[in-house]
Amino acid sequence: MCETLPKITLAPGKKAYFLSDLHLGLYPYEASAQREKIIVKWLDEIKSDAGALFIAGDIFDFWYEYKKVVAKGFVRFMGKLCEFTDNGIPVYMFTGNHDVWMFDYFQKEVGARVCPSPIEIEIETKKFLIGHGDGVGPGDAGYKFLKSIFTSKICQFLFSRIHPNFAYKLGQTWSKHSRYSKGIADTFHGEDKEFNILFAKEYLKTRHIDYFVFGHRHIPMDVTLNGTSKLFNLGEWIYGMTYGVFNGADFVIKSNRSDEKWKENLIQIP
């Protein structure tokens, strides 16, 4: 069972916004810096009607949180999040498989709620289950084992003994060889094979959820699970720049792109 957070009631005219897989710091770094500016500009545009902001993991392509050291870069993005929280807009940041080592920095310094695992939350009259989406559902035993190592307190302690310069060099080298840095996107495996969809269908057998909202797969999805429940995948901000909006009654997937190309990758299952 997921942790349940307090209900959010949106003020009149306010909306809840959802985005995922920003991969800030992804090689090539010049493109990442430009993408950060685009994201900050978008955040500035939505802040007037934002009632809540959910960032569903892989915010950074690599992040390790030292007790006394803050990673170089991303100051525009962090500053904009502070602007949200300073103005009373709740921000929820989920750890993903690329930034699993987020601890309490964003909670203490930015004022965001850091969620290391999926949560249930009611927004207006709809029940949401929100998470990054990695490691849920059946299968993928190899990844789940690897994640158990990454989340091990002993492994985290040992990694924190590495000098930050060398640690981030390792992380950036890993980023440089990522398939996303080479322009390769994910493909949809089918409704009967996507782990997030299988997880949601199994979850609904014992508990009602109106909207499952995940990231991780880099594919925007709008999937009807039954007569009252839907699953949305938020896509990514490397190419599609897709995000979700909930206006208090309905959830829709949109894009910050000026063209309609992102819709070519949108998976819709009515």
C-alpha atoms as a PDB file:
ATOM      1  CA  MET A   1       0.000   0.000   0.000  1.00  0.00           C
ATOM      2  CA  CYS A   2       1.277   3.472  -0.884  1.00  0.00           C
ATOM      3  CA  GLU A   3       1.661   6.317   1.599  1.00  0.00           C
ATOM      4  CA  THR A   4      -1.414   8.553   1.676  1.00  0.00           C
ATOM      5  CA  LEU A   5      -0.825  12.322   1.774  1.00  0.00           C
ATOM      6  CA  PRO A   6      -3.329  15.000   2.864  1.00  0.00           C
ATOM      7  CA  LYS A   7      -6.029  16.024   0.405  1.00  0.00           C
ATOM      8  CA  ILE A   8      -5.461  19.027  -1.863  1.00  0.00           C
ATOM      9  CA  THR A   9      -8.325  21.415  -2.489  1.00  0.00           C
ATOM     10  CA  LEU A  10      -7.699  23.681  -5.455  1.00  0.00           C
ATOM     11  CA  ALA A  11      -8.726  27.307  -5.213  1.00  0.00           C
ATOM     12  CA  PRO A  12     -11.122  28.550  -7.941  1.00  0.00           C
ATOM     13  CA  GLY A  13      -9.351  28.728 -11.293  1.00  0.00           C
ATOM     14  CA  LYS A  14      -6.303  26.786 -10.061  1.00  0.00           C
ATOM     15  CA  LYS A  15      -4.907  23.587 -11.577  1.00  0.00           C
ATOM     16  CA  ALA A  16      -2.520  20.818 -10.604  1.00  0.00           C
ATOM     17  CA  TYR A  17       0.414  20.380 -12.988  1.00  0.00           C
ATOM     18  CA  PHE A  18       2.449  17.207 -13.516  1.00  0.00           C
ATOM     19  CA  LEU A  19       5.729  16.643 -15.361  1.00  0.00           C
ATOM     20  CA  SER A  20       8.490  14.069 -15.322  1.00  0.00           C
ATOM     21  CA  ASP A  21      11.840  12.997 -16.751  1.00  0.00           C
ATOM     22  CA  LEU A  22      13.503  16.371 -17.190  1.00  0.00           C
ATOM     23  CA  HIS A  23      16.951  14.707 -17.063  1.00  0.00           C
ATOM     24  CA  LEU A  24      18.718  17.960 -16.275  1.00  0.00           C
ATOM     25  CA  GLY A  25      22.447  17.474 -16.797  1.00  0.00           C
ATOM     26  CA  LEU A  26      22.008  14.919 -19.587  1.00  0.00           C
ATOM     27  CA  TYR A  27      24.832  14.952 -22.152  1.00  0.00           C
ATOM     28  CA  PRO A  28      25.325  17.092 -24.227  1.00  0.00           C
ATOM     29  CA  TYR A  29      25.403  19.617 -21.393  1.00  0.00           C
ATOM     30  CA  GLU A  30      24.797  22.664 -23.610  1.00  0.00           C
ATOM     31  CA  ALA A  31      21.470  21.169 -24.695  1.00  0.00           C
ATOM     32  CA  SER A  32      20.593  20.440 -21.072  1.00  0.00           C
ATOM     33  CA  ALA A  33      21.324  24.035 -20.058  1.00  0.00           C
ATOM     34  CA  GLN A  34      19.047  25.277 -22.836  1.00  0.00           C
ATOM     35  CA  ARG A  35      16.344  22.797 -21.800  1.00  0.00           C
ATOM     36  CA  GLU A  36      16.558  24.065 -18.221  1.00  0.00           C
ATOM     37  CA  LYS A  37      15.799  27.592 -19.451  1.00  0.00           C
ATOM     38  CA  ILE A  38      12.791  26.290 -21.406  1.00  0.00           C
ATOM     39  CA  ILE A  39      11.480  24.462 -18.336  1.00  0.00           C
ATOM     40  CA  VAL A  40      11.953  27.528 -16.128  1.00  0.00           C
ATOM     41  CA  LYS A  41      10.113  29.678 -18.677  1.00  0.00           C
ATOM     42  CA  TRP A  42       7.236  27.176 -18.713  1.00  0.00           C
ATOM     43  CA  LEU A  43       7.122  27.133 -14.905  1.00  0.00           C
ATOM     44  CA  ASP A  44       6.973  30.913 -14.938  1.00  0.00           C
ATOM     45  CA  GLU A  45       4.029  30.785 -17.351  1.00  0.00           C
ATOM     46  CA  ILE A  46       1.977  28.355 -15.245  1.00  0.00           C
ATOM     47  CA  LYS A  47       2.680  29.771 -11.787  1.00  0.00           C
ATOM     48  CA  SER A  48      -0.291  32.168 -11.927  1.00  0.00           C
ATOM     49  CA  ASP A  49      -2.843  29.332 -12.094  1.00  0.00           C
ATOM     50  CA  ALA A  50      -0.860  26.513 -10.444  1.00  0.00           C
ATOM     51  CA  GLY A  51      -2.454  25.100  -7.325  1.00  0.00           C
ATOM     52  CA  ALA A  52       0.092  22.279  -6.976  1.00  0.00           C
ATOM     53  CA  LEU A  53       3.128  20.974  -8.866  1.00  0.00           C
ATOM     54  CA  PHE A  54       4.146  17.310  -9.076  1.00  0.00           C
ATOM     55  CA  ILE A  55       7.515  16.357 -10.629  1.00  0.00           C
ATOM     56  CA  ALA A  56       7.475  12.591 -11.000  1.00  0.00           C
ATOM     57  CA  GLY A  57      11.150  11.646 -10.956  1.00  0.00           C
ATOM     58  CA  ASP A  58      14.294  11.668 -13.095  1.00  0.00           C
ATOM     59  CA  ILE A  59      14.402  15.397 -12.548  1.00  0.00           C
ATOM     60  CA  PHE A  60      18.175  15.162 -12.825  1.00  0.00           C
ATOM     61  CA  ASP A  61      20.110  12.763 -15.001  1.00  0.00           C
ATOM     62  CA  PHE A  62      22.446  12.231 -12.068  1.00  0.00           C
ATOM     63  CA  TRP A  63      22.123  13.488  -8.516  1.00  0.00           C
ATOM     64  CA  TYR A  64      23.904  12.567  -5.338  1.00  0.00           C
ATOM     65  CA  GLU A  65      23.145  14.567  -2.237  1.00  0.00           C
ATOM     66  CA  TYR A  66      26.121  15.207   0.028  1.00  0.00           C
ATOM     67  CA  LYS A  67      25.564  16.680   3.496  1.00  0.00           C
ATOM     68  CA  LYS A  68      27.705  19.767   2.925  1.00  0.00           C
ATOM     69  CA  VAL A  69      27.998  20.044  -0.874  1.00  0.00           C
ATOM     70  CA  VAL A  70      25.413  21.055  -3.480  1.00  0.00           C
ATOM     71  CA  ALA A  71      25.857  19.959  -7.094  1.00  0.00           C
ATOM     72  CA  LYS A  72      26.970  22.614  -9.557  1.00  0.00           C
ATOM     73  CA  GLY A  73      24.283  23.842 -11.939  1.00  0.00           C
ATOM     74  CA  PHE A  74      20.474  23.904 -12.028  1.00  0.00           C
ATOM     75  CA  VAL A  75      20.248  27.184 -10.071  1.00  0.00           C
ATOM     76  CA  ARG A  76      17.580  28.645 -12.367  1.00  0.00           C
ATOM     77  CA  PHE A  77      15.397  25.590 -11.894  1.00  0.00           C
ATOM     78  CA  MET A  78      15.875  25.458  -8.122  1.00  0.00           C
ATOM     79  CA  GLY A  79      15.212  29.176  -7.811  1.00  0.00           C
ATOM     80  CA  LYS A  80      11.928  28.840  -9.689  1.00  0.00           C
ATOM     81  CA  LEU A  81      10.819  26.003  -7.406  1.00  0.00           C
ATOM     82  CA  CYS A  82      11.597  28.230  -4.406  1.00  0.00           C
ATOM     83  CA  GLU A  83       9.397  30.888  -5.992  1.00  0.00           C
ATOM     84  CA  PHE A  84       6.544  28.375  -6.109  1.00  0.00           C
ATOM     85  CA  THR A  85       6.873  27.262  -2.495  1.00  0.00           C
ATOM     86  CA  ASP A  86       7.476  30.812  -1.217  1.00  0.00           C
ATOM     87  CA  ASN A  87       4.131  31.739  -2.747  1.00  0.00           C
ATOM     88  CA  GLY A  88       2.337  28.838  -1.078  1.00  0.00           C
ATOM     89  CA  ILE A  89       2.196  26.494  -4.098  1.00  0.00           C
ATOM     90  CA  PRO A  90       2.948  22.960  -2.877  1.00  0.00           C
ATOM     91  CA  VAL A  91       5.678  21.171  -4.822  1.00  0.00           C
ATOM     92  CA  TYR A  92       6.124  17.392  -4.743  1.00  0.00           C
ATOM     93  CA  MET A  93       9.393  15.928  -6.050  1.00  0.00           C
ATOM     94  CA  PHE A  94       9.590  12.169  -6.620  1.00  0.00           C
ATOM     95  CA  THR A  95      12.864  10.306  -6.786  1.00  0.00           C
ATOM     96  CA  GLY A  96      13.458   8.393 -10.006  1.00  0.00           C
ATOM     97  CA  ASN A  97      15.992   5.789 -11.035  1.00  0.00           C
ATOM     98  CA  HIS A  98      18.427   8.542 -12.102  1.00  0.00           C
ATOM     99  CA  ASP A  99      18.044  10.667  -8.964  1.00  0.00           C
ATOM    100  CA  VAL A 100      17.253   8.056  -6.319  1.00  0.00           C
ATOM    101  CA  TRP A 101      19.793   9.760  -4.042  1.00  0.00           C
ATOM    102  CA  MET A 102      17.671  12.803  -3.268  1.00  0.00           C
ATOM    103  CA  PHE A 103      17.306  13.067   0.493  1.00  0.00           C
ATOM    104  CA  ASP A 104      16.278  16.189   2.467  1.00  0.00           C
ATOM    105  CA  TYR A 105      17.988  19.083   0.654  1.00  0.00           C
ATOM    106  CA  PHE A 106      14.968  20.043  -1.423  1.00  0.00           C
ATOM    107  CA  GLN A 107      12.682  19.713   1.556  1.00  0.00           C
ATOM    108  CA  LYS A 108      14.840  21.923   3.793  1.00  0.00           C
ATOM    109  CA  GLU A 109      16.111  24.466   1.269  1.00  0.00           C
ATOM    110  CA  VAL A 110      13.385  24.567  -1.381  1.00  0.00           C
ATOM    111  CA  GLY A 111      10.363  23.670   0.716  1.00  0.00           C
ATOM    112  CA  ALA A 112       9.301  20.805  -1.569  1.00  0.00           C
ATOM    113  CA  ARG A 113       7.938  17.459  -0.396  1.00  0.00           C
ATOM    114  CA  VAL A 114      10.378  14.702  -1.443  1.00  0.00           C
ATOM    115  CA  CYS A 115       8.616  11.408  -2.169  1.00  0.00           C
ATOM    116  CA  PRO A 116      10.927   8.373  -2.418  1.00  0.00           C
ATOM    117  CA  SER A 117       8.059   6.056  -3.383  1.00  0.00           C
ATOM    118  CA  PRO A 118       4.582   6.309  -4.962  1.00  0.00           C
ATOM    119  CA  ILE A 119       1.899   8.112  -2.968  1.00  0.00           C
ATOM    120  CA  GLU A 120      -1.864   8.264  -2.897  1.00  0.00           C
ATOM    121  CA  ILE A 121      -3.416  11.708  -2.722  1.00  0.00           C
ATOM    122  CA  GLU A 122      -6.896  13.100  -3.239  1.00  0.00           C
ATOM    123  CA  ILE A 123      -7.149  16.261  -5.329  1.00  0.00           C
ATOM    124  CA  GLU A 124     -10.630  17.722  -5.222  1.00  0.00           C
ATOM    125  CA  THR A 125     -12.838  14.631  -5.612  1.00  0.00           C
ATOM    126  CA  LYS A 126     -10.367  12.443  -7.552  1.00  0.00           C
ATOM    127  CA  LYS A 127      -8.040   9.872  -6.038  1.00  0.00           C
ATOM    128  CA  PHE A 128      -4.545   9.826  -7.528  1.00  0.00           C
ATOM    129  CA  LEU A 129      -1.673   7.374  -7.283  1.00  0.00           C
ATOM    130  CA  ILE A 130       1.496   9.183  -8.349  1.00  0.00           C
ATOM    131  CA  GLY A 131       5.055   7.918  -8.663  1.00  0.00           C
ATOM    132  CA  HIS A 132       8.007   7.688 -10.991  1.00  0.00           C
ATOM    133  CA  GLY A 133       6.902   4.233 -12.108  1.00  0.00           C
ATOM    134  CA  ASP A 134      10.208   2.367 -11.981  1.00  0.00           C
ATOM    135  CA  GLY A 135      10.134  -1.056 -10.385  1.00  0.00           C
ATOM    136  CA  VAL A 136       6.354  -1.347 -10.062  1.00  0.00           C
ATOM    137  CA  GLY A 137       4.444  -4.300 -11.414  1.00  0.00           C
ATOM    138  CA  PRO A 138       5.690  -7.828 -12.107  1.00  0.00           C
ATOM    139  CA  GLY A 139       9.042  -8.774 -13.580  1.00  0.00           C
ATOM    140  CA  ASP A 140      12.163  -6.647 -14.121  1.00  0.00           C
ATOM    141  CA  ALA A 141      13.939  -8.519 -11.324  1.00  0.00           C
ATOM    142  CA  GLY A 142      17.378  -7.324 -12.435  1.00  0.00           C
ATOM    143  CA  TYR A 143      16.451  -3.664 -12.123  1.00  0.00           C
ATOM    144  CA  LYS A 144      14.709  -4.217  -8.776  1.00  0.00           C
ATOM    145  CA  PHE A 145      17.849  -5.856  -7.429  1.00  0.00           C
ATOM    146  CA  LEU A 146      19.974  -2.959  -8.676  1.00  0.00           C
ATOM    147  CA  LYS A 147      17.592  -0.454  -7.048  1.00  0.00           C
ATOM    148  CA  SER A 148      17.853  -2.311  -3.737  1.00  0.00           C
ATOM    149  CA  ILE A 149      21.609  -1.724  -3.889  1.00  0.00           C
ATOM    150  CA  PHE A 150      21.197   1.971  -4.695  1.00  0.00           C
ATOM    151  CA  THR A 151      18.781   2.448  -1.785  1.00  0.00           C
ATOM    152  CA  SER A 152      20.931   0.498   0.668  1.00  0.00           C
ATOM    153  CA  LYS A 153      22.070   2.703   3.562  1.00  0.00           C
ATOM    154  CA  ILE A 154      25.429   0.933   3.601  1.00  0.00           C
ATOM    155  CA  CYS A 155      25.999   1.552  -0.130  1.00  0.00           C
ATOM    156  CA  GLN A 156      24.943   5.180   0.254  1.00  0.00           C
ATOM    157  CA  PHE A 157      27.360   5.630   3.151  1.00  0.00           C
ATOM    158  CA  LEU A 158      30.219   4.152   1.130  1.00  0.00           C
ATOM    159  CA  PHE A 159      29.435   6.261  -1.938  1.00  0.00           C
ATOM    160  CA  SER A 160      29.313   9.419   0.175  1.00  0.00           C
ATOM    161  CA  ARG A 161      32.953   8.778   1.106  1.00  0.00           C
ATOM    162  CA  ILE A 162      33.909   9.381  -2.549  1.00  0.00           C
ATOM    163  CA  HIS A 163      35.049  12.920  -3.316  1.00  0.00           C
ATOM    164  CA  PRO A 164      32.217  14.853  -5.056  1.00  0.00           C
ATOM    165  CA  ASN A 165      34.384  15.729  -8.066  1.00  0.00           C
ATOM    166  CA  PHE A 166      35.039  12.055  -8.792  1.00  0.00           C
ATOM    167  CA  ALA A 167      31.489  10.960  -7.939  1.00  0.00           C
ATOM    168  CA  TYR A 168      29.940  13.432 -10.363  1.00  0.00           C
ATOM    169  CA  LYS A 169      32.524  12.534 -13.002  1.00  0.00           C
ATOM    170  CA  LEU A 170      31.278   8.948 -12.746  1.00  0.00           C
ATOM    171  CA  GLY A 171      27.674  10.086 -12.984  1.00  0.00           C
ATOM    172  CA  GLN A 172      28.290  12.328 -15.980  1.00  0.00           C
ATOM    173  CA  THR A 173      30.208   9.594 -17.780  1.00  0.00           C
ATOM    174  CA  TRP A 174      27.230   7.297 -17.254  1.00  0.00           C
ATOM    175  CA  SER A 175      24.959  10.071 -18.558  1.00  0.00           C
ATOM    176  CA  LYS A 176      27.124  10.548 -21.637  1.00  0.00           C
ATOM    177  CA  HIS A 177      26.567   6.918 -22.634  1.00  0.00           C
ATOM    178  CA  SER A 178      22.825   7.021 -21.996  1.00  0.00           C
ATOM    179  CA  ARG A 179      20.709   6.080 -24.990  1.00  0.00           C
ATOM    180  CA  TYR A 180      18.673   9.249 -24.478  1.00  0.00           C
ATOM    181  CA  SER A 181      21.781  11.359 -25.103  1.00  0.00           C
ATOM    182  CA  LYS A 182      21.962   9.630 -28.498  1.00  0.00           C
ATOM    183  CA  GLY A 183      18.380  10.451 -29.459  1.00  0.00           C
ATOM    184  CA  ILE A 184      16.867   7.000 -28.903  1.00  0.00           C
ATOM    185  CA  ALA A 185      13.422   6.984 -27.309  1.00  0.00           C
ATOM    186  CA  ASP A 186      11.396   4.181 -25.765  1.00  0.00           C
ATOM    187  CA  THR A 187       8.807   2.144 -27.654  1.00  0.00           C
ATOM    188  CA  PHE A 188       5.441   1.020 -26.298  1.00  0.00           C
ATOM    189  CA  HIS A 189       5.469  -2.698 -25.412  1.00  0.00           C
ATOM    190  CA  GLY A 190       1.711  -3.244 -25.504  1.00  0.00           C
ATOM    191  CA  GLU A 191      -1.045  -2.991 -22.929  1.00  0.00           C
ATOM    192  CA  ASP A 192      -0.433  -6.554 -21.755  1.00  0.00           C
ATOM    193  CA  LYS A 193       3.320  -6.023 -21.219  1.00  0.00           C
ATOM    194  CA  GLU A 194       3.755  -2.505 -19.839  1.00  0.00           C
ATOM    195  CA  PHE A 195       4.648  -2.919 -16.150  1.00  0.00           C
ATOM    196  CA  ASN A 196       2.867   0.268 -15.065  1.00  0.00           C
ATOM    197  CA  ILE A 197      -0.394  -0.782 -16.693  1.00  0.00           C
ATOM    198  CA  LEU A 198      -0.179  -4.276 -15.213  1.00  0.00           C
ATOM    199  CA  PHE A 199       0.542  -2.790 -11.794  1.00  0.00           C
ATOM    200  CA  ALA A 200      -2.428  -0.400 -12.029  1.00  0.00           C
ATOM    201  CA  LYS A 201      -4.839  -3.141 -13.051  1.00  0.00           C
ATOM    202  CA  GLU A 202      -3.714  -5.325 -10.168  1.00  0.00           C
ATOM    203  CA  TYR A 203      -3.934  -2.403  -7.711  1.00  0.00           C
ATOM    204  CA  LEU A 204      -7.528  -1.713  -8.749  1.00  0.00           C
ATOM    205  CA  LYS A 205      -8.562  -5.186  -7.620  1.00  0.00           C
ATOM    206  CA  THR A 206      -8.359  -4.067  -3.987  1.00  0.00           C
ATOM    207  CA  ARG A 207      -8.431  -0.251  -4.030  1.00  0.00           C
ATOM    208  CA  HIS A 208     -10.111   2.419  -6.150  1.00  0.00           C
ATOM    209  CA  ILE A 209      -7.938   5.006  -7.878  1.00  0.00           C
ATOM    210  CA  ASP A 210      -9.254   7.487 -10.432  1.00  0.00           C
ATOM    211  CA  TYR A 211      -5.904   8.449 -11.971  1.00  0.00           C
ATOM    212  CA  PHE A 212      -2.562   6.630 -11.965  1.00  0.00           C
ATOM    213  CA  VAL A 213       0.166   9.104 -12.961  1.00  0.00           C
ATOM    214  CA  PHE A 214       3.684   7.890 -13.771  1.00  0.00           C
ATOM    215  CA  GLY A 215       6.846   8.893 -15.604  1.00  0.00           C
ATOM    216  CA  HIS A 216       9.904   6.734 -16.365  1.00  0.00           C
ATOM    217  CA  ARG A 217       8.795   5.302 -19.712  1.00  0.00           C
ATOM    218  CA  HIS A 218       9.359   8.513 -21.731  1.00  0.00           C
ATOM    219  CA  ILE A 219       6.146   7.815 -23.629  1.00  0.00           C
ATOM    220  CA  PRO A 220       3.043   9.984 -23.148  1.00  0.00           C
ATOM    221  CA  MET A 221       0.115   7.675 -22.425  1.00  0.00           C
ATOM    222  CA  ASP A 222      -3.614   8.066 -21.880  1.00  0.00           C
ATOM    223  CA  VAL A 223      -4.920   4.596 -21.046  1.00  0.00           C
ATOM    224  CA  THR A 224      -8.415   3.717 -19.883  1.00  0.00           C
ATOM    225  CA  LEU A 225      -8.216   0.888 -17.343  1.00  0.00           C
ATOM    226  CA  ASN A 226     -11.914   0.451 -16.626  1.00  0.00           C
ATOM    227  CA  GLY A 227     -15.043   2.576 -16.606  1.00  0.00           C
ATOM    228  CA  THR A 228     -13.804   4.961 -13.912  1.00  0.00           C
ATOM    229  CA  SER A 229      -9.980   4.698 -13.782  1.00  0.00           C
ATOM    230  CA  LYS A 230      -7.238   5.859 -16.144  1.00  0.00           C
ATOM    231  CA  LEU A 231      -3.465   5.683 -16.352  1.00  0.00           C
ATOM    232  CA  PHE A 232      -1.358   8.566 -17.619  1.00  0.00           C
ATOM    233  CA  ASN A 233       2.329   8.566 -18.409  1.00  0.00           C
ATOM    234  CA  LEU A 234       3.791  12.058 -18.477  1.00  0.00           C
ATOM    235  CA  GLY A 235       6.387  11.458 -21.192  1.00  0.00           C
ATOM    236  CA  GLU A 236       9.610  13.496 -21.045  1.00  0.00           C
ATOM    237  CA  TRP A 237      11.192  16.923 -21.611  1.00  0.00           C
ATOM    238  CA  ILE A 238      14.078  15.891 -23.865  1.00  0.00           C
ATOM    239  CA  TYR A 239      12.023  15.827 -27.077  1.00  0.00           C
ATOM    240  CA  GLY A 240       8.269  15.825 -26.473  1.00  0.00           C
ATOM    241  CA  MET A 241       8.105  18.292 -23.537  1.00  0.00           C
ATOM    242  CA  THR A 242       4.826  16.745 -22.407  1.00  0.00           C
ATOM    243  CA  TYR A 243       3.041  17.298 -19.115  1.00  0.00           C
ATOM    244  CA  GLY A 244      -0.290  16.675 -17.398  1.00  0.00           C
ATOM    245  CA  VAL A 245      -2.914  19.147 -16.195  1.00  0.00           C
ATOM    246  CA  PHE A 246      -5.767  18.480 -13.784  1.00  0.00           C
ATOM    247  CA  ASN A 247      -8.370  21.246 -13.575  1.00  0.00           C
ATOM    248  CA  GLY A 248     -10.307  19.754 -10.692  1.00  0.00           C
ATOM    249  CA  ALA A 249     -12.504  17.602 -12.907  1.00  0.00           C
ATOM    250  CA  ASP A 250     -10.458  16.247 -15.840  1.00  0.00           C
ATOM    251  CA  PHE A 251      -6.847  15.225 -16.511  1.00  0.00           C
ATOM    252  CA  VAL A 252      -5.264  15.859 -19.917  1.00  0.00           C
ATOM    253  CA  ILE A 253      -1.823  15.424 -21.484  1.00  0.00           C
ATOM    254  CA  LYS A 254      -0.382  18.492 -23.216  1.00  0.00           C
ATOM    255  CA  SER A 255       2.960  19.603 -24.640  1.00  0.00           C
ATOM    256  CA  ASN A 256       5.084  22.725 -24.465  1.00  0.00           C
ATOM    257  CA  ARG A 257       6.150  22.196 -28.080  1.00  0.00           C
ATOM    258  CA  SER A 258       4.857  24.679 -30.634  1.00  0.00           C
ATOM    259  CA  ASP A 259       4.058  21.907 -33.130  1.00  0.00           C
ATOM    260  CA  GLU A 260       1.952  18.749 -32.913  1.00  0.00           C
ATOM    261  CA  LYS A 261       4.784  16.243 -33.456  1.00  0.00           C
ATOM    262  CA  TRP A 262       4.604  15.009 -29.875  1.00  0.00           C
ATOM    263  CA  LYS A 263       1.188  13.495 -30.624  1.00  0.00           C
ATOM    264  CA  GLU A 264       2.866  10.964 -32.938  1.00  0.00           C
ATOM    265  CA  ASN A 265       4.225   9.265 -29.777  1.00  0.00           C
ATOM    266  CA  LEU A 266       1.063   9.632 -27.672  1.00  0.00           C
ATOM    267  CA  ILE A 267      -0.409   6.240 -26.764  1.00  0.00           C
ATOM    268  CA  GLN A 268      -4.195   6.451 -26.372  1.00  0.00           C
ATOM    269  CA  ILE A 269      -6.193   3.394 -25.366  1.00  0.00           C
ATOM    270  CA  PRO A 270      -9.899   4.220 -24.879  1.00  0.00           C
END
